Amino acid sequence: MSHETMDHSRRECVRGTVHTNTVEGFFANLKRGTGGIYHHFGSHYLAQYLGEPDFRYNARHLTDARRTRLMLRCGSTVPA
């Protein structure tokens, strides 16, 4: 995976298939979750709270059945 940058000082936000909407969409979902579902969470569980929207975003093109199988195959990462 390559890393691309945008030159916003030149009002650039799209170059071919590279655009800022991808990261903006991810952070919008993250913000919606932290403000809407998880009103407060401790630093001990930060990885789990960030991992959940990360998984949903990366699996957004899968069917519900494939996403469920993938989630079950990966297992729980919540510390005991």
N, C-alpha and C. Protein backbone atom coordinates (compact mmCIF):
# COMPACT_ATOMS: atom_id res chain seq x y z
N MET A 1 0.85 -1.17 0.00
CA MET A 1 0.00 0.00 0.00
C MET A 1 0.89 1.24 0.00
N SER A 2 0.67 2.11 -0.92
CA SER A 2 1.48 3.32 -1.01
C SER A 2 0.84 4.45 -0.21
N HIS A 3 1.65 5.39 0.19
CA HIS A 3 1.18 6.55 0.94
C HIS A 3 1.25 7.76 0.02
N GLU A 4 0.13 8.42 -0.15
CA GLU A 4 0.06 9.61 -0.99
C GLU A 4 -0.27 10.81 -0.12
N THR A 5 0.09 11.98 -0.58
CA THR A 5 -0.24 13.21 0.13
C THR A 5 -0.92 14.18 -0.81
N MET A 6 -1.68 15.09 -0.24
CA MET A 6 -2.35 16.15 -1.00
C MET A 6 -1.71 17.48 -0.62
N ASP A 7 -1.62 18.37 -1.59
CA ASP A 7 -1.10 19.71 -1.34
C ASP A 7 -2.29 20.65 -1.21
N HIS A 8 -2.78 20.77 0.03
CA HIS A 8 -3.98 21.58 0.26
C HIS A 8 -3.71 23.06 0.03
N SER A 9 -2.46 23.49 0.13
CA SER A 9 -2.17 24.91 -0.13
C SER A 9 -2.43 25.26 -1.59
N ARG A 10 -2.40 24.25 -2.46
CA ARG A 10 -2.73 24.45 -3.88
C ARG A 10 -4.16 24.03 -4.17
N ARG A 11 -4.96 23.91 -3.09
CA ARG A 11 -6.37 23.54 -3.17
C ARG A 11 -6.56 22.16 -3.83
N GLU A 12 -5.62 21.27 -3.59
CA GLU A 12 -5.69 19.92 -4.15
C GLU A 12 -6.35 19.00 -3.13
N CYS A 13 -7.40 18.31 -3.54
CA CYS A 13 -8.03 17.32 -2.66
C CYS A 13 -8.28 16.00 -3.39
N VAL A 14 -8.03 15.96 -4.70
CA VAL A 14 -8.18 14.73 -5.48
C VAL A 14 -7.07 14.67 -6.51
N ARG A 15 -6.46 13.46 -6.61
CA ARG A 15 -5.48 13.21 -7.66
C ARG A 15 -5.68 11.77 -8.12
N GLY A 16 -6.35 11.60 -9.24
CA GLY A 16 -6.66 10.25 -9.72
C GLY A 16 -7.64 9.57 -8.77
N THR A 17 -7.23 8.41 -8.22
CA THR A 17 -8.08 7.71 -7.27
C THR A 17 -7.73 8.04 -5.83
N VAL A 18 -6.78 8.93 -5.63
CA VAL A 18 -6.37 9.32 -4.28
C VAL A 18 -7.15 10.58 -3.90
N HIS A 19 -7.81 10.53 -2.75
CA HIS A 19 -8.58 11.69 -2.29
C HIS A 19 -8.65 11.68 -0.77
N THR A 20 -9.05 12.79 -0.21
CA THR A 20 -9.12 12.91 1.25
C THR A 20 -10.41 12.37 1.82
N ASN A 21 -11.38 12.03 1.00
CA ASN A 21 -12.67 11.54 1.51
C ASN A 21 -12.52 10.23 2.28
N THR A 22 -11.53 9.41 1.92
CA THR A 22 -11.35 8.13 2.59
C THR A 22 -11.06 8.33 4.07
N VAL A 23 -10.06 9.13 4.37
CA VAL A 23 -9.71 9.34 5.78
C VAL A 23 -10.77 10.17 6.49
N GLU A 24 -11.39 11.10 5.80
CA GLU A 24 -12.45 11.90 6.41
C GLU A 24 -13.65 11.02 6.76
N GLY A 25 -13.98 10.06 5.90
CA GLY A 25 -15.07 9.13 6.19
C GLY A 25 -14.77 8.25 7.38
N PHE A 26 -13.54 7.77 7.47
CA PHE A 26 -13.16 6.93 8.60
C PHE A 26 -13.27 7.71 9.91
N PHE A 27 -12.73 8.92 9.94
CA PHE A 27 -12.76 9.70 11.18
C PHE A 27 -14.17 10.16 11.52
N ALA A 28 -15.03 10.36 10.52
CA ALA A 28 -16.43 10.69 10.81
C ALA A 28 -17.11 9.53 11.52
N ASN A 29 -16.86 8.29 11.08
CA ASN A 29 -17.42 7.13 11.75
C ASN A 29 -16.85 6.96 13.15
N LEU A 30 -15.56 7.21 13.30
CA LEU A 30 -14.93 7.12 14.62
C LEU A 30 -15.53 8.15 15.57
N LYS A 31 -15.68 9.38 15.10
CA LYS A 31 -16.25 10.44 15.92
C LYS A 31 -17.70 10.15 16.28
N ARG A 32 -18.45 9.61 15.33
CA ARG A 32 -19.85 9.27 15.58
C ARG A 32 -19.95 8.20 16.66
N GLY A 33 -19.03 7.25 16.64
CA GLY A 33 -19.04 6.19 17.65
C GLY A 33 -18.65 6.70 19.02
N THR A 34 -17.64 7.54 19.10
CA THR A 34 -17.19 8.01 20.40
C THR A 34 -18.18 9.00 21.00
N GLY A 35 -18.89 9.74 20.19
CA GLY A 35 -19.86 10.69 20.72
C GLY A 35 -21.24 10.10 20.89
N GLY A 36 -21.56 9.09 20.08
CA GLY A 36 -22.90 8.54 20.10
C GLY A 36 -23.06 7.27 20.91
N ILE A 37 -22.08 6.39 20.84
CA ILE A 37 -22.19 5.10 21.52
C ILE A 37 -21.33 5.08 22.78
N TYR A 38 -20.07 5.40 22.63
CA TYR A 38 -19.12 5.33 23.73
C TYR A 38 -18.87 6.75 24.25
N HIS A 39 -19.59 7.14 25.27
CA HIS A 39 -19.44 8.50 25.78
C HIS A 39 -18.16 8.68 26.56
N HIS A 40 -17.68 7.61 27.16
CA HIS A 40 -16.43 7.66 27.91
C HIS A 40 -15.79 6.28 27.87
N PHE A 41 -14.49 6.26 27.67
CA PHE A 41 -13.78 4.99 27.75
C PHE A 41 -12.37 5.27 28.25
N GLY A 42 -11.85 4.32 28.99
CA GLY A 42 -10.52 4.48 29.57
C GLY A 42 -9.43 4.11 28.58
N SER A 43 -8.24 4.56 28.87
CA SER A 43 -7.09 4.29 27.99
C SER A 43 -6.76 2.80 27.95
N HIS A 44 -7.15 2.05 28.98
CA HIS A 44 -6.87 0.61 29.01
C HIS A 44 -7.54 -0.12 27.84
N TYR A 45 -8.71 0.34 27.44
CA TYR A 45 -9.47 -0.30 26.36
C TYR A 45 -9.44 0.49 25.05
N LEU A 46 -8.54 1.44 24.94
CA LEU A 46 -8.49 2.29 23.76
C LEU A 46 -8.31 1.49 22.47
N ALA A 47 -7.47 0.46 22.50
CA ALA A 47 -7.24 -0.36 21.30
C ALA A 47 -8.53 -1.01 20.81
N GLN A 48 -9.36 -1.49 21.76
CA GLN A 48 -10.63 -2.12 21.36
C GLN A 48 -11.61 -1.08 20.81
N TYR A 49 -11.67 0.08 21.43
CA TYR A 49 -12.58 1.11 20.95
C TYR A 49 -12.16 1.64 19.57
N LEU A 50 -10.88 1.66 19.29
CA LEU A 50 -10.42 2.09 17.97
C LEU A 50 -10.46 0.94 16.97
N GLY A 51 -10.31 -0.28 17.45
CA GLY A 51 -10.31 -1.44 16.57
C GLY A 51 -11.67 -1.74 15.96
N GLU A 52 -12.73 -1.46 16.70
CA GLU A 52 -14.08 -1.76 16.22
C GLU A 52 -14.44 -0.94 14.99
N PRO A 53 -14.29 0.40 15.00
CA PRO A 53 -14.59 1.14 13.76
C PRO A 53 -13.58 0.84 12.65
N ASP A 54 -12.37 0.49 13.02
CA ASP A 54 -11.36 0.10 12.03
C ASP A 54 -11.82 -1.16 11.29
N PHE A 55 -12.29 -2.16 12.05
CA PHE A 55 -12.79 -3.40 11.44
C PHE A 55 -13.99 -3.10 10.55
N ARG A 56 -14.95 -2.32 11.07
CA ARG A 56 -16.16 -2.01 10.28
C ARG A 56 -15.79 -1.30 8.99
N TYR A 57 -14.86 -0.36 9.07
CA TYR A 57 -14.47 0.38 7.86
C TYR A 57 -13.77 -0.52 6.86
N ASN A 58 -12.83 -1.35 7.32
CA ASN A 58 -12.10 -2.22 6.41
C ASN A 58 -12.94 -3.34 5.83
N ALA A 59 -14.03 -3.69 6.51
CA ALA A 59 -14.91 -4.76 6.04
C ALA A 59 -16.19 -4.21 5.42
N ARG A 60 -16.21 -2.93 5.08
CA ARG A 60 -17.45 -2.29 4.61
C ARG A 60 -17.94 -2.84 3.27
N HIS A 61 -17.08 -3.43 2.47
CA HIS A 61 -17.51 -3.94 1.16
C HIS A 61 -17.89 -5.42 1.22
N LEU A 62 -17.78 -6.04 2.38
CA LEU A 62 -18.15 -7.45 2.52
C LEU A 62 -19.65 -7.57 2.78
N THR A 63 -20.18 -8.73 2.46
CA THR A 63 -21.57 -8.99 2.80
C THR A 63 -21.67 -9.18 4.32
N ASP A 64 -22.87 -9.09 4.85
CA ASP A 64 -23.05 -9.29 6.29
C ASP A 64 -22.56 -10.67 6.72
N ALA A 65 -22.85 -11.68 5.90
CA ALA A 65 -22.43 -13.05 6.24
C ALA A 65 -20.91 -13.18 6.26
N ARG A 66 -20.25 -12.63 5.27
CA ARG A 66 -18.77 -12.72 5.22
C ARG A 66 -18.14 -11.92 6.36
N ARG A 67 -18.71 -10.77 6.67
CA ARG A 67 -18.19 -9.94 7.77
C ARG A 67 -18.34 -10.68 9.09
N THR A 68 -19.48 -11.35 9.30
CA THR A 68 -19.71 -12.10 10.53
C THR A 68 -18.74 -13.26 10.65
N ARG A 69 -18.54 -14.01 9.56
CA ARG A 69 -17.59 -15.13 9.60
C ARG A 69 -16.18 -14.63 9.90
N LEU A 70 -15.79 -13.52 9.29
CA LEU A 70 -14.46 -12.96 9.54
C LEU A 70 -14.32 -12.55 11.00
N MET A 71 -15.33 -11.91 11.55
CA MET A 71 -15.29 -11.48 12.94
C MET A 71 -15.19 -12.69 13.88
N LEU A 72 -15.96 -13.72 13.61
CA LEU A 72 -15.93 -14.91 14.46
C LEU A 72 -14.60 -15.65 14.33
N ARG A 73 -14.03 -15.67 13.15
CA ARG A 73 -12.75 -16.34 12.93
C ARG A 73 -11.62 -15.62 13.67
N CYS A 74 -11.70 -14.28 13.73
CA CYS A 74 -10.65 -13.50 14.40
C CYS A 74 -10.74 -13.64 15.91
N GLY A 75 -11.91 -13.88 16.44
CA GLY A 75 -12.07 -14.04 17.87
C GLY A 75 -12.05 -12.72 18.61
N SER A 76 -12.24 -12.81 19.88
CA SER A 76 -12.29 -11.64 20.74
C SER A 76 -10.89 -11.19 21.13
N THR A 77 -10.69 -9.87 21.16
CA THR A 77 -9.41 -9.32 21.57
C THR A 77 -9.54 -8.55 22.88
N VAL A 78 -10.71 -8.68 23.53
CA VAL A 78 -10.93 -7.95 24.79
C VAL A 78 -10.14 -8.65 25.88
N PRO A 79 -9.29 -7.93 26.62
CA PRO A 79 -8.51 -8.56 27.68
C PRO A 79 -9.40 -9.08 28.80
N ALA A 80 -8.99 -10.17 29.39
CA ALA A 80 -9.77 -10.79 30.48
C ALA A 80 -9.58 -10.04 31.78
